[in-house]
């Protein structure tokens, strides 16, 4: 798990003041946790009140399944309802599940913020362009267990800057961009 702060290049890639504010909040929480992954309980919604509607939290359970714990109102509107309590594998199509679980696991296991630029797989088997900042959070015992995400749904596919069904992850070491089919 990385203890390095995201380099300035990563912050520039965000292209969104809300994402930058959430990243700054996460970095401050990590500094307060002696450079370790911040715990979920440390996240202060009052520090980012204007972003709450765009946030979601998912938990990786011991079984490896991901369950939504929080879905902001703007996210819920795009997903067709509040996903809190539902599992990822109950919502997205099977053909997209492995790629999404791999993405979330890489964030947790690597302990690094990640910017996902691509498509949300909606319950109605639709794909909607988005930019998603994904931040890892620990449980009460310090184990990587939660991902905090800020989602910005885009009006047009062209705004994502990627072709259909392509995932682009931009980790803090921006020297290498990983691209894979969804």
C-alpha atoms as a PDB file:
ATOM      1  CA  UNK A   1       0.000   0.000   0.000  1.00  0.00           C
ATOM      2  CA  UNK A   2       1.377   3.383  -1.027  1.00  0.00           C
ATOM      3  CA  UNK A   3       2.147   6.004   1.627  1.00  0.00           C
ATOM      4  CA  UNK A   4       3.116   8.660  -0.909  1.00  0.00           C
ATOM      5  CA  UNK A   5       0.923  11.659  -1.518  1.00  0.00           C
ATOM      6  CA  UNK A   6      -0.562  11.968  -4.997  1.00  0.00           C
ATOM      7  CA  UNK A   7       1.757  14.114  -7.120  1.00  0.00           C
ATOM      8  CA  UNK A   8       0.552  17.470  -8.473  1.00  0.00           C
ATOM      9  CA  UNK A   9       0.080  15.880 -11.910  1.00  0.00           C
ATOM     10  CA  UNK A  10      -2.649  13.667 -10.500  1.00  0.00           C
ATOM     11  CA  UNK A  11      -4.537  16.652  -9.073  1.00  0.00           C
ATOM     12  CA  UNK A  12      -4.356  18.394 -12.453  1.00  0.00           C
ATOM     13  CA  UNK A  13      -5.871  15.299 -14.127  1.00  0.00           C
ATOM     14  CA  UNK A  14      -8.989  15.708 -11.998  1.00  0.00           C
ATOM     15  CA  UNK A  15     -10.129  18.804 -13.932  1.00  0.00           C
ATOM     16  CA  UNK A  16     -12.875  19.339 -11.335  1.00  0.00           C
ATOM     17  CA  UNK A  17     -12.746  21.613  -8.269  1.00  0.00           C
ATOM     18  CA  UNK A  18     -15.035  19.278  -6.316  1.00  0.00           C
ATOM     19  CA  UNK A  19     -12.780  16.300  -6.983  1.00  0.00           C
ATOM     20  CA  UNK A  20      -9.755  18.368  -5.963  1.00  0.00           C
ATOM     21  CA  UNK A  21     -11.524  19.385  -2.725  1.00  0.00           C
ATOM     22  CA  UNK A  22     -12.398  15.770  -1.908  1.00  0.00           C
ATOM     23  CA  UNK A  23      -8.833  14.663  -2.680  1.00  0.00           C
ATOM     24  CA  UNK A  24      -7.515  17.405  -0.380  1.00  0.00           C
ATOM     25  CA  UNK A  25      -9.887  16.235   2.384  1.00  0.00           C
ATOM     26  CA  UNK A  26      -8.715  12.627   1.925  1.00  0.00           C
ATOM     27  CA  UNK A  27      -5.041  13.699   2.012  1.00  0.00           C
ATOM     28  CA  UNK A  28      -5.654  15.642   5.235  1.00  0.00           C
ATOM     29  CA  UNK A  29      -7.347  12.588   6.765  1.00  0.00           C
ATOM     30  CA  UNK A  30      -4.411  10.436   5.710  1.00  0.00           C
ATOM     31  CA  UNK A  31      -1.965  12.880   7.273  1.00  0.00           C
ATOM     32  CA  UNK A  32      -3.998  12.595  10.489  1.00  0.00           C
ATOM     33  CA  UNK A  33      -3.666   8.805  10.267  1.00  0.00           C
ATOM     34  CA  UNK A  34       0.161   9.009  10.183  1.00  0.00           C
ATOM     35  CA  UNK A  35       0.278   8.488   6.416  1.00  0.00           C
ATOM     36  CA  UNK A  36      -1.858   5.352   6.481  1.00  0.00           C
ATOM     37  CA  UNK A  37      -5.151   4.851   4.679  1.00  0.00           C
ATOM     38  CA  UNK A  38      -7.733   6.974   6.487  1.00  0.00           C
ATOM     39  CA  UNK A  39     -10.575   5.168   8.237  1.00  0.00           C
ATOM     40  CA  UNK A  40     -14.120   5.574   6.985  1.00  0.00           C
ATOM     41  CA  UNK A  41     -15.223   6.974  10.352  1.00  0.00           C
ATOM     42  CA  UNK A  42     -12.843   9.938   9.843  1.00  0.00           C
ATOM     43  CA  UNK A  43     -14.656  11.193   6.726  1.00  0.00           C
ATOM     44  CA  UNK A  44     -16.452  14.414   7.658  1.00  0.00           C
ATOM     45  CA  UNK A  45     -19.454  15.169   5.431  1.00  0.00           C
ATOM     46  CA  UNK A  46     -19.459  18.747   6.741  1.00  0.00           C
ATOM     47  CA  UNK A  47     -16.018  19.259   5.191  1.00  0.00           C
ATOM     48  CA  UNK A  48     -17.504  18.754   1.711  1.00  0.00           C
ATOM     49  CA  UNK A  49     -21.246  19.536   2.033  1.00  0.00           C
ATOM     50  CA  UNK A  50     -21.733  20.613  -1.596  1.00  0.00           C
ATOM     51  CA  UNK A  51     -20.352  17.281  -2.786  1.00  0.00           C
ATOM     52  CA  UNK A  52     -22.585  14.968  -0.736  1.00  0.00           C
ATOM     53  CA  UNK A  53     -25.112  14.455  -3.518  1.00  0.00           C
ATOM     54  CA  UNK A  54     -22.313  13.238  -5.827  1.00  0.00           C
ATOM     55  CA  UNK A  55     -20.727  10.784  -3.373  1.00  0.00           C
ATOM     56  CA  UNK A  56     -21.056   7.085  -2.834  1.00  0.00           C
ATOM     57  CA  UNK A  57     -19.392   4.613  -0.520  1.00  0.00           C
ATOM     58  CA  UNK A  58     -19.006   0.928  -1.283  1.00  0.00           C
ATOM     59  CA  UNK A  59     -17.695  -1.722   1.108  1.00  0.00           C
ATOM     60  CA  UNK A  60     -15.699  -4.795   0.175  1.00  0.00           C
ATOM     61  CA  UNK A  61     -16.979  -7.585   2.372  1.00  0.00           C
ATOM     62  CA  UNK A  62     -14.928 -10.603   3.490  1.00  0.00           C
ATOM     63  CA  UNK A  63     -16.563 -12.601   0.672  1.00  0.00           C
ATOM     64  CA  UNK A  64     -15.095 -10.158  -1.872  1.00  0.00           C
ATOM     65  CA  UNK A  65     -18.510  -8.767  -2.817  1.00  0.00           C
ATOM     66  CA  UNK A  66     -19.035  -5.004  -2.900  1.00  0.00           C
ATOM     67  CA  UNK A  67     -22.062  -3.483  -1.156  1.00  0.00           C
ATOM     68  CA  UNK A  68     -23.208   0.108  -1.474  1.00  0.00           C
ATOM     69  CA  UNK A  69     -23.271   1.825   1.907  1.00  0.00           C
ATOM     70  CA  UNK A  70     -24.136   5.336   0.749  1.00  0.00           C
ATOM     71  CA  UNK A  71     -25.516   6.789  -2.449  1.00  0.00           C
ATOM     72  CA  UNK A  72     -25.829  10.567  -2.835  1.00  0.00           C
ATOM     73  CA  UNK A  73     -29.022  11.915  -4.367  1.00  0.00           C
ATOM     74  CA  UNK A  74     -27.438  12.936  -7.703  1.00  0.00           C
ATOM     75  CA  UNK A  75     -25.844   9.500  -8.020  1.00  0.00           C
ATOM     76  CA  UNK A  76     -29.101   7.769  -7.066  1.00  0.00           C
ATOM     77  CA  UNK A  77     -30.963   9.775  -9.718  1.00  0.00           C
ATOM     78  CA  UNK A  78     -28.523   8.572 -12.402  1.00  0.00           C
ATOM     79  CA  UNK A  79     -28.536   4.964 -11.171  1.00  0.00           C
ATOM     80  CA  UNK A  80     -32.321   4.792 -11.025  1.00  0.00           C
ATOM     81  CA  UNK A  81     -32.614   4.731  -7.230  1.00  0.00           C
ATOM     82  CA  UNK A  82     -30.766   4.558  -3.954  1.00  0.00           C
ATOM     83  CA  UNK A  83     -28.347   1.635  -4.104  1.00  0.00           C
ATOM     84  CA  UNK A  84     -27.565   1.581  -0.351  1.00  0.00           C
ATOM     85  CA  UNK A  85     -27.621  -2.004   0.866  1.00  0.00           C
ATOM     86  CA  UNK A  86     -27.439  -3.526  -2.614  1.00  0.00           C
ATOM     87  CA  UNK A  87     -24.539  -5.504  -4.004  1.00  0.00           C
ATOM     88  CA  UNK A  88     -22.618  -4.556  -7.106  1.00  0.00           C
ATOM     89  CA  UNK A  89     -23.206  -8.014  -8.606  1.00  0.00           C
ATOM     90  CA  UNK A  90     -26.969  -7.546  -8.224  1.00  0.00           C
ATOM     91  CA  UNK A  91     -26.982  -4.322 -10.188  1.00  0.00           C
ATOM     92  CA  UNK A  92     -24.526  -4.309 -13.072  1.00  0.00           C
ATOM     93  CA  UNK A  93     -24.461  -6.757 -15.977  1.00  0.00           C
ATOM     94  CA  UNK A  94     -22.286  -9.845 -15.552  1.00  0.00           C
ATOM     95  CA  UNK A  95     -20.105  -8.889 -18.538  1.00  0.00           C
ATOM     96  CA  UNK A  96     -18.988  -5.711 -16.726  1.00  0.00           C
ATOM     97  CA  UNK A  97     -18.738  -7.083 -13.195  1.00  0.00           C
ATOM     98  CA  UNK A  98     -15.162  -8.436 -13.260  1.00  0.00           C
ATOM     99  CA  UNK A  99     -13.721  -5.169 -14.609  1.00  0.00           C
ATOM    100  CA  UNK A 100     -15.556  -3.081 -11.991  1.00  0.00           C
ATOM    101  CA  UNK A 101     -14.536  -5.366  -9.120  1.00  0.00           C
ATOM    102  CA  UNK A 102     -10.929  -5.331 -10.352  1.00  0.00           C
ATOM    103  CA  UNK A 103     -10.953  -1.531 -10.452  1.00  0.00           C
ATOM    104  CA  UNK A 104     -12.258  -1.230  -6.879  1.00  0.00           C
ATOM    105  CA  UNK A 105      -9.882  -3.912  -5.599  1.00  0.00           C
ATOM    106  CA  UNK A 106      -6.893  -2.181  -7.224  1.00  0.00           C
ATOM    107  CA  UNK A 107      -7.813   1.048  -5.438  1.00  0.00           C
ATOM    108  CA  UNK A 108      -8.151  -0.695  -2.072  1.00  0.00           C
ATOM    109  CA  UNK A 109      -5.162  -3.001  -2.387  1.00  0.00           C
ATOM    110  CA  UNK A 110      -2.928  -0.253  -3.793  1.00  0.00           C
ATOM    111  CA  UNK A 111      -4.118   2.305  -1.251  1.00  0.00           C
ATOM    112  CA  UNK A 112      -4.011   5.066  -3.855  1.00  0.00           C
ATOM    113  CA  UNK A 113      -6.544   7.523  -5.237  1.00  0.00           C
ATOM    114  CA  UNK A 114      -7.604   6.680  -8.770  1.00  0.00           C
ATOM    115  CA  UNK A 115      -9.417   8.634 -11.445  1.00  0.00           C
ATOM    116  CA  UNK A 116     -11.677   6.436 -13.556  1.00  0.00           C
ATOM    117  CA  UNK A 117     -12.764   7.953 -16.850  1.00  0.00           C
ATOM    118  CA  UNK A 118     -15.257   5.880 -18.789  1.00  0.00           C
ATOM    119  CA  UNK A 119     -18.770   4.623 -18.345  1.00  0.00           C
ATOM    120  CA  UNK A 120     -21.091   3.772 -15.516  1.00  0.00           C
ATOM    121  CA  UNK A 121     -22.913   0.550 -16.123  1.00  0.00           C
ATOM    122  CA  UNK A 122     -26.488   1.283 -15.144  1.00  0.00           C
ATOM    123  CA  UNK A 123     -29.000  -1.298 -13.944  1.00  0.00           C
ATOM    124  CA  UNK A 124     -30.992  -1.014 -17.186  1.00  0.00           C
ATOM    125  CA  UNK A 125     -27.873  -2.139 -19.090  1.00  0.00           C
ATOM    126  CA  UNK A 126     -27.200   1.396 -20.243  1.00  0.00           C
ATOM    127  CA  UNK A 127     -23.788   3.009 -20.253  1.00  0.00           C
ATOM    128  CA  UNK A 128     -23.397   6.611 -19.140  1.00  0.00           C
ATOM    129  CA  UNK A 129     -20.155   8.593 -19.527  1.00  0.00           C
ATOM    130  CA  UNK A 130     -18.573   9.747 -16.291  1.00  0.00           C
ATOM    131  CA  UNK A 131     -15.484  10.791 -14.406  1.00  0.00           C
ATOM    132  CA  UNK A 132     -15.067   9.127 -11.005  1.00  0.00           C
ATOM    133  CA  UNK A 133     -12.540   9.900  -8.304  1.00  0.00           C
ATOM    134  CA  UNK A 134     -12.117   6.770  -6.172  1.00  0.00           C
ATOM    135  CA  UNK A 135     -10.465   6.997  -2.744  1.00  0.00           C
ATOM    136  CA  UNK A 136      -9.621   4.052  -0.462  1.00  0.00           C
ATOM    137  CA  UNK A 137     -10.743   3.981   3.166  1.00  0.00           C
ATOM    138  CA  UNK A 138      -9.961   1.559   5.985  1.00  0.00           C
ATOM    139  CA  UNK A 139     -12.297  -0.151   8.426  1.00  0.00           C
ATOM    140  CA  UNK A 140     -11.942   0.303  12.215  1.00  0.00           C
ATOM    141  CA  UNK A 141      -9.099  -2.240  12.285  1.00  0.00           C
ATOM    142  CA  UNK A 142      -7.103  -0.452   9.575  1.00  0.00           C
ATOM    143  CA  UNK A 143      -7.891  -2.956   6.800  1.00  0.00           C
ATOM    144  CA  UNK A 144      -8.702  -1.595   3.306  1.00  0.00           C
ATOM    145  CA  UNK A 145     -12.470  -2.041   3.121  1.00  0.00           C
ATOM    146  CA  UNK A 146     -14.296   0.996   1.690  1.00  0.00           C
ATOM    147  CA  UNK A 147     -14.115   3.078  -1.455  1.00  0.00           C
ATOM    148  CA  UNK A 148     -15.340   6.651  -1.372  1.00  0.00           C
ATOM    149  CA  UNK A 149     -16.197   7.946  -4.833  1.00  0.00           C
ATOM    150  CA  UNK A 150     -17.180  11.283  -6.296  1.00  0.00           C
ATOM    151  CA  UNK A 151     -19.038  10.809  -9.575  1.00  0.00           C
ATOM    152  CA  UNK A 152     -19.554  13.388 -12.282  1.00  0.00           C
ATOM    153  CA  UNK A 153     -21.925  12.145 -14.963  1.00  0.00           C
ATOM    154  CA  UNK A 154     -21.298  13.731 -18.326  1.00  0.00           C
ATOM    155  CA  UNK A 155     -23.928  14.942 -20.752  1.00  0.00           C
ATOM    156  CA  UNK A 156     -22.276  13.463 -23.830  1.00  0.00           C
ATOM    157  CA  UNK A 157     -20.077  10.438 -24.431  1.00  0.00           C
ATOM    158  CA  UNK A 158     -17.558  12.687 -26.149  1.00  0.00           C
ATOM    159  CA  UNK A 159     -17.065  14.544 -22.849  1.00  0.00           C
ATOM    160  CA  UNK A 160     -15.527  11.417 -21.309  1.00  0.00           C
ATOM    161  CA  UNK A 161     -12.662  11.576 -23.767  1.00  0.00           C
ATOM    162  CA  UNK A 162     -12.704   7.807 -24.302  1.00  0.00           C
ATOM    163  CA  UNK A 163     -14.271   5.428 -26.769  1.00  0.00           C
ATOM    164  CA  UNK A 164     -17.162   3.175 -25.841  1.00  0.00           C
ATOM    165  CA  UNK A 165     -16.395   0.458 -23.278  1.00  0.00           C
ATOM    166  CA  UNK A 166     -12.872   1.662 -22.469  1.00  0.00           C
ATOM    167  CA  UNK A 167     -11.650   2.150 -18.907  1.00  0.00           C
ATOM    168  CA  UNK A 168      -8.793   4.529 -18.234  1.00  0.00           C
ATOM    169  CA  UNK A 169      -7.335   4.545 -14.743  1.00  0.00           C
ATOM    170  CA  UNK A 170      -4.958   7.310 -13.831  1.00  0.00           C
ATOM    171  CA  UNK A 171      -3.051   6.345 -10.675  1.00  0.00           C
ATOM    172  CA  UNK A 172      -0.862   8.860  -8.843  1.00  0.00           C
ATOM    173  CA  UNK A 173       2.217   7.760 -10.786  1.00  0.00           C
ATOM    174  CA  UNK A 174       0.922   9.310 -13.991  1.00  0.00           C
ATOM    175  CA  UNK A 175       3.863   8.018 -15.978  1.00  0.00           C
ATOM    176  CA  UNK A 176       1.908   4.897 -16.917  1.00  0.00           C
ATOM    177  CA  UNK A 177      -1.739   4.941 -17.856  1.00  0.00           C
ATOM    178  CA  UNK A 178      -3.537   1.617 -17.744  1.00  0.00           C
ATOM    179  CA  UNK A 179      -6.187   1.091 -20.377  1.00  0.00           C
ATOM    180  CA  UNK A 180      -8.367  -1.997 -20.540  1.00  0.00           C
ATOM    181  CA  UNK A 181     -11.617  -3.057 -22.126  1.00  0.00           C
ATOM    182  CA  UNK A 182     -14.570  -3.006 -19.762  1.00  0.00           C
END
